Amino acid sequence: MYEQLRDIIMDDAKTLVSELKTCPMCGGSAEIKCTLGLFRNEYWVECKKCGLRTMSFKMLSDDAKRNATLMWNRRNGKIDD
Protein backbone atom coordinates (compact mmCIF):
# COMPACT_ATOMS: atom_id res chain seq x y z
CA MET A 1 0.00 0.00 0.00
CA TYR A 2 2.74 2.48 0.94
CA GLU A 3 4.65 1.70 -2.24
CA GLN A 4 1.59 2.51 -4.39
CA LEU A 5 0.99 5.74 -2.50
CA ARG A 6 4.65 6.69 -2.82
CA ASP A 7 4.55 6.02 -6.58
CA ILE A 8 1.49 8.26 -7.00
CA ILE A 9 3.07 11.06 -5.01
CA MET A 10 6.41 10.78 -6.80
CA ASP A 11 4.70 10.86 -10.21
CA ASP A 12 3.28 14.21 -9.18
CA ALA A 13 6.71 15.31 -8.00
CA LYS A 14 8.21 14.55 -11.42
CA THR A 15 6.36 17.56 -12.80
CA LEU A 16 8.45 19.76 -10.51
CA VAL A 17 11.79 18.17 -11.43
CA SER A 18 12.05 20.23 -14.61
CA GLU A 19 12.01 23.31 -12.38
CA LEU A 20 15.00 22.23 -10.30
CA LYS A 21 18.27 24.07 -10.76
CA THR A 22 21.62 22.31 -10.70
CA CYS A 23 23.43 21.87 -7.40
CA PRO A 24 25.03 25.12 -6.17
CA MET A 25 27.99 23.15 -4.76
CA CYS A 26 28.95 20.70 -7.51
CA GLY A 27 26.69 21.45 -10.48
CA GLY A 28 25.08 18.00 -10.32
CA SER A 29 21.44 17.29 -11.05
CA ALA A 30 18.89 17.14 -8.26
CA GLU A 31 15.78 15.15 -7.49
CA ILE A 32 12.80 15.40 -5.19
CA LYS A 33 12.87 12.74 -2.49
CA CYS A 34 10.19 11.70 -0.05
CA THR A 35 9.67 9.46 2.91
CA LEU A 36 6.24 8.17 3.81
CA GLY A 37 5.25 7.16 7.29
CA LEU A 38 2.19 6.44 9.32
CA PHE A 39 2.10 9.86 10.91
CA ARG A 40 4.10 12.09 8.57
CA ASN A 41 5.31 12.41 5.01
CA GLU A 42 8.35 14.52 4.25
CA TYR A 43 9.79 15.97 1.04
CA TRP A 44 13.21 17.40 0.27
CA VAL A 45 15.43 18.01 -2.75
CA GLU A 46 18.81 16.28 -2.92
CA CYS A 47 21.76 16.44 -5.30
CA LYS A 48 22.35 13.10 -7.01
CA LYS A 49 26.11 13.71 -7.14
CA CYS A 50 27.25 15.17 -3.81
CA GLY A 51 24.22 14.60 -1.56
CA LEU A 52 23.62 18.25 -0.67
CA ARG A 53 19.97 18.60 0.34
CA THR A 54 17.33 21.00 1.55
CA MET A 55 15.58 20.76 4.84
CA SER A 56 12.59 18.41 4.95
CA PHE A 57 9.10 19.78 4.43
CA LYS A 58 6.31 17.91 6.16
CA MET A 59 3.27 16.99 4.12
CA LEU A 60 0.81 19.15 6.00
CA SER A 61 -0.35 20.69 2.76
CA ASP A 62 -0.07 20.08 -0.96
CA ASP A 63 2.69 22.71 -1.04
CA ALA A 64 5.39 20.54 0.55
CA LYS A 65 6.97 19.51 -2.78
CA ARG A 66 6.68 23.06 -4.10
CA ASN A 67 8.31 24.48 -0.96
CA ALA A 68 11.21 22.02 -1.25
CA THR A 69 11.68 23.05 -4.90
CA LEU A 70 11.62 26.75 -4.05
CA MET A 71 14.15 26.21 -1.25
CA TRP A 72 16.49 24.30 -3.59
CA ASN A 73 16.26 26.94 -6.31
CA ARG A 74 17.06 29.75 -3.88
CA ARG A 75 20.39 31.40 -4.65
CA ASN A 76 22.01 34.26 -2.71
CA GLY A 77 18.84 34.88 -0.73
CA LYS A 78 16.69 35.21 -3.87
CA ILE A 79 13.99 32.90 -5.13
CA ASP A 80 13.32 32.72 -8.86
CA ASP A 81 9.71 32.00 -9.75
C-alpha atoms as a PDB file:
ATOM      1  CA  MET A   1       0.000   0.000   0.000  1.00  0.00           C
ATOM      2  CA  TYR A   2       2.740   2.477   0.935  1.00  0.00           C
ATOM      3  CA  GLU A   3       4.653   1.699  -2.242  1.00  0.00           C
ATOM      4  CA  GLN A   4       1.592   2.506  -4.391  1.00  0.00           C
ATOM      5  CA  LEU A   5       0.988   5.741  -2.499  1.00  0.00           C
ATOM      6  CA  ARG A   6       4.649   6.688  -2.817  1.00  0.00           C
ATOM      7  CA  ASP A   7       4.546   6.022  -6.578  1.00  0.00           C
ATOM      8  CA  ILE A   8       1.492   8.255  -7.003  1.00  0.00           C
ATOM      9  CA  ILE A   9       3.069  11.060  -5.012  1.00  0.00           C
ATOM     10  CA  MET A  10       6.409  10.783  -6.796  1.00  0.00           C
ATOM     11  CA  ASP A  11       4.696  10.862 -10.214  1.00  0.00           C
ATOM     12  CA  ASP A  12       3.277  14.214  -9.177  1.00  0.00           C
ATOM     13  CA  ALA A  13       6.714  15.308  -8.003  1.00  0.00           C
ATOM     14  CA  LYS A  14       8.207  14.545 -11.424  1.00  0.00           C
ATOM     15  CA  THR A  15       6.359  17.561 -12.805  1.00  0.00           C
ATOM     16  CA  LEU A  16       8.446  19.761 -10.505  1.00  0.00           C
ATOM     17  CA  VAL A  17      11.785  18.173 -11.427  1.00  0.00           C
ATOM     18  CA  SER A  18      12.054  20.228 -14.607  1.00  0.00           C
ATOM     19  CA  GLU A  19      12.005  23.314 -12.385  1.00  0.00           C
ATOM     20  CA  LEU A  20      15.003  22.233 -10.305  1.00  0.00           C
ATOM     21  CA  LYS A  21      18.273  24.073 -10.759  1.00  0.00           C
ATOM     22  CA  THR A  22      21.616  22.306 -10.696  1.00  0.00           C
ATOM     23  CA  CYS A  23      23.429  21.874  -7.397  1.00  0.00           C
ATOM     24  CA  PRO A  24      25.031  25.116  -6.165  1.00  0.00           C
ATOM     25  CA  MET A  25      27.993  23.151  -4.760  1.00  0.00           C
ATOM     26  CA  CYS A  26      28.947  20.700  -7.506  1.00  0.00           C
ATOM     27  CA  GLY A  27      26.686  21.446 -10.482  1.00  0.00           C
ATOM     28  CA  GLY A  28      25.077  17.998 -10.323  1.00  0.00           C
ATOM     29  CA  SER A  29      21.438  17.290 -11.051  1.00  0.00           C
ATOM     30  CA  ALA A  30      18.888  17.142  -8.260  1.00  0.00           C
ATOM     31  CA  GLU A  31      15.781  15.148  -7.492  1.00  0.00           C
ATOM     32  CA  ILE A  32      12.800  15.403  -5.192  1.00  0.00           C
ATOM     33  CA  LYS A  33      12.867  12.743  -2.492  1.00  0.00           C
ATOM     34  CA  CYS A  34      10.193  11.700  -0.046  1.00  0.00           C
ATOM     35  CA  THR A  35       9.671   9.460   2.905  1.00  0.00           C
ATOM     36  CA  LEU A  36       6.238   8.165   3.806  1.00  0.00           C
ATOM     37  CA  GLY A  37       5.255   7.161   7.286  1.00  0.00           C
ATOM     38  CA  LEU A  38       2.189   6.438   9.319  1.00  0.00           C
ATOM     39  CA  PHE A  39       2.104   9.862  10.906  1.00  0.00           C
ATOM     40  CA  ARG A  40       4.097  12.086   8.574  1.00  0.00           C
ATOM     41  CA  ASN A  41       5.314  12.406   5.014  1.00  0.00           C
ATOM     42  CA  GLU A  42       8.347  14.524   4.253  1.00  0.00           C
ATOM     43  CA  TYR A  43       9.785  15.966   1.044  1.00  0.00           C
ATOM     44  CA  TRP A  44      13.212  17.400   0.268  1.00  0.00           C
ATOM     45  CA  VAL A  45      15.434  18.008  -2.745  1.00  0.00           C
ATOM     46  CA  GLU A  46      18.810  16.275  -2.917  1.00  0.00           C
ATOM     47  CA  CYS A  47      21.756  16.441  -5.297  1.00  0.00           C
ATOM     48  CA  LYS A  48      22.353  13.097  -7.014  1.00  0.00           C
ATOM     49  CA  LYS A  49      26.111  13.709  -7.145  1.00  0.00           C
ATOM     50  CA  CYS A  50      27.253  15.171  -3.809  1.00  0.00           C
ATOM     51  CA  GLY A  51      24.221  14.599  -1.564  1.00  0.00           C
ATOM     52  CA  LEU A  52      23.619  18.250  -0.670  1.00  0.00           C
ATOM     53  CA  ARG A  53      19.968  18.598   0.345  1.00  0.00           C
ATOM     54  CA  THR A  54      17.334  20.996   1.547  1.00  0.00           C
ATOM     55  CA  MET A  55      15.579  20.758   4.844  1.00  0.00           C
ATOM     56  CA  SER A  56      12.588  18.412   4.945  1.00  0.00           C
ATOM     57  CA  PHE A  57       9.097  19.781   4.434  1.00  0.00           C
ATOM     58  CA  LYS A  58       6.313  17.907   6.161  1.00  0.00           C
ATOM     59  CA  MET A  59       3.269  16.994   4.119  1.00  0.00           C
ATOM     60  CA  LEU A  60       0.806  19.149   6.001  1.00  0.00           C
ATOM     61  CA  SER A  61      -0.349  20.685   2.759  1.00  0.00           C
ATOM     62  CA  ASP A  62      -0.074  20.083  -0.964  1.00  0.00           C
ATOM     63  CA  ASP A  63       2.689  22.712  -1.044  1.00  0.00           C
ATOM     64  CA  ALA A  64       5.387  20.541   0.545  1.00  0.00           C
ATOM     65  CA  LYS A  65       6.971  19.514  -2.779  1.00  0.00           C
ATOM     66  CA  ARG A  66       6.684  23.061  -4.104  1.00  0.00           C
ATOM     67  CA  ASN A  67       8.314  24.477  -0.961  1.00  0.00           C
ATOM     68  CA  ALA A  68      11.208  22.017  -1.249  1.00  0.00           C
ATOM     69  CA  THR A  69      11.683  23.046  -4.900  1.00  0.00           C
ATOM     70  CA  LEU A  70      11.624  26.750  -4.049  1.00  0.00           C
ATOM     71  CA  MET A  71      14.151  26.210  -1.251  1.00  0.00           C
ATOM     72  CA  TRP A  72      16.490  24.300  -3.592  1.00  0.00           C
ATOM     73  CA  ASN A  73      16.261  26.940  -6.308  1.00  0.00           C
ATOM     74  CA  ARG A  74      17.056  29.746  -3.876  1.00  0.00           C
ATOM     75  CA  ARG A  75      20.390  31.399  -4.654  1.00  0.00           C
ATOM     76  CA  ASN A  76      22.009  34.259  -2.710  1.00  0.00           C
ATOM     77  CA  GLY A  77      18.840  34.878  -0.729  1.00  0.00           C
ATOM     78  CA  LYS A  78      16.690  35.212  -3.872  1.00  0.00           C
ATOM     79  CA  ILE A  79      13.985  32.899  -5.131  1.00  0.00           C
ATOM     80  CA  ASP A  80      13.323  32.721  -8.856  1.00  0.00           C
ATOM     81  CA  ASP A  81       9.711  32.003  -9.755  1.00  0.00           C
END
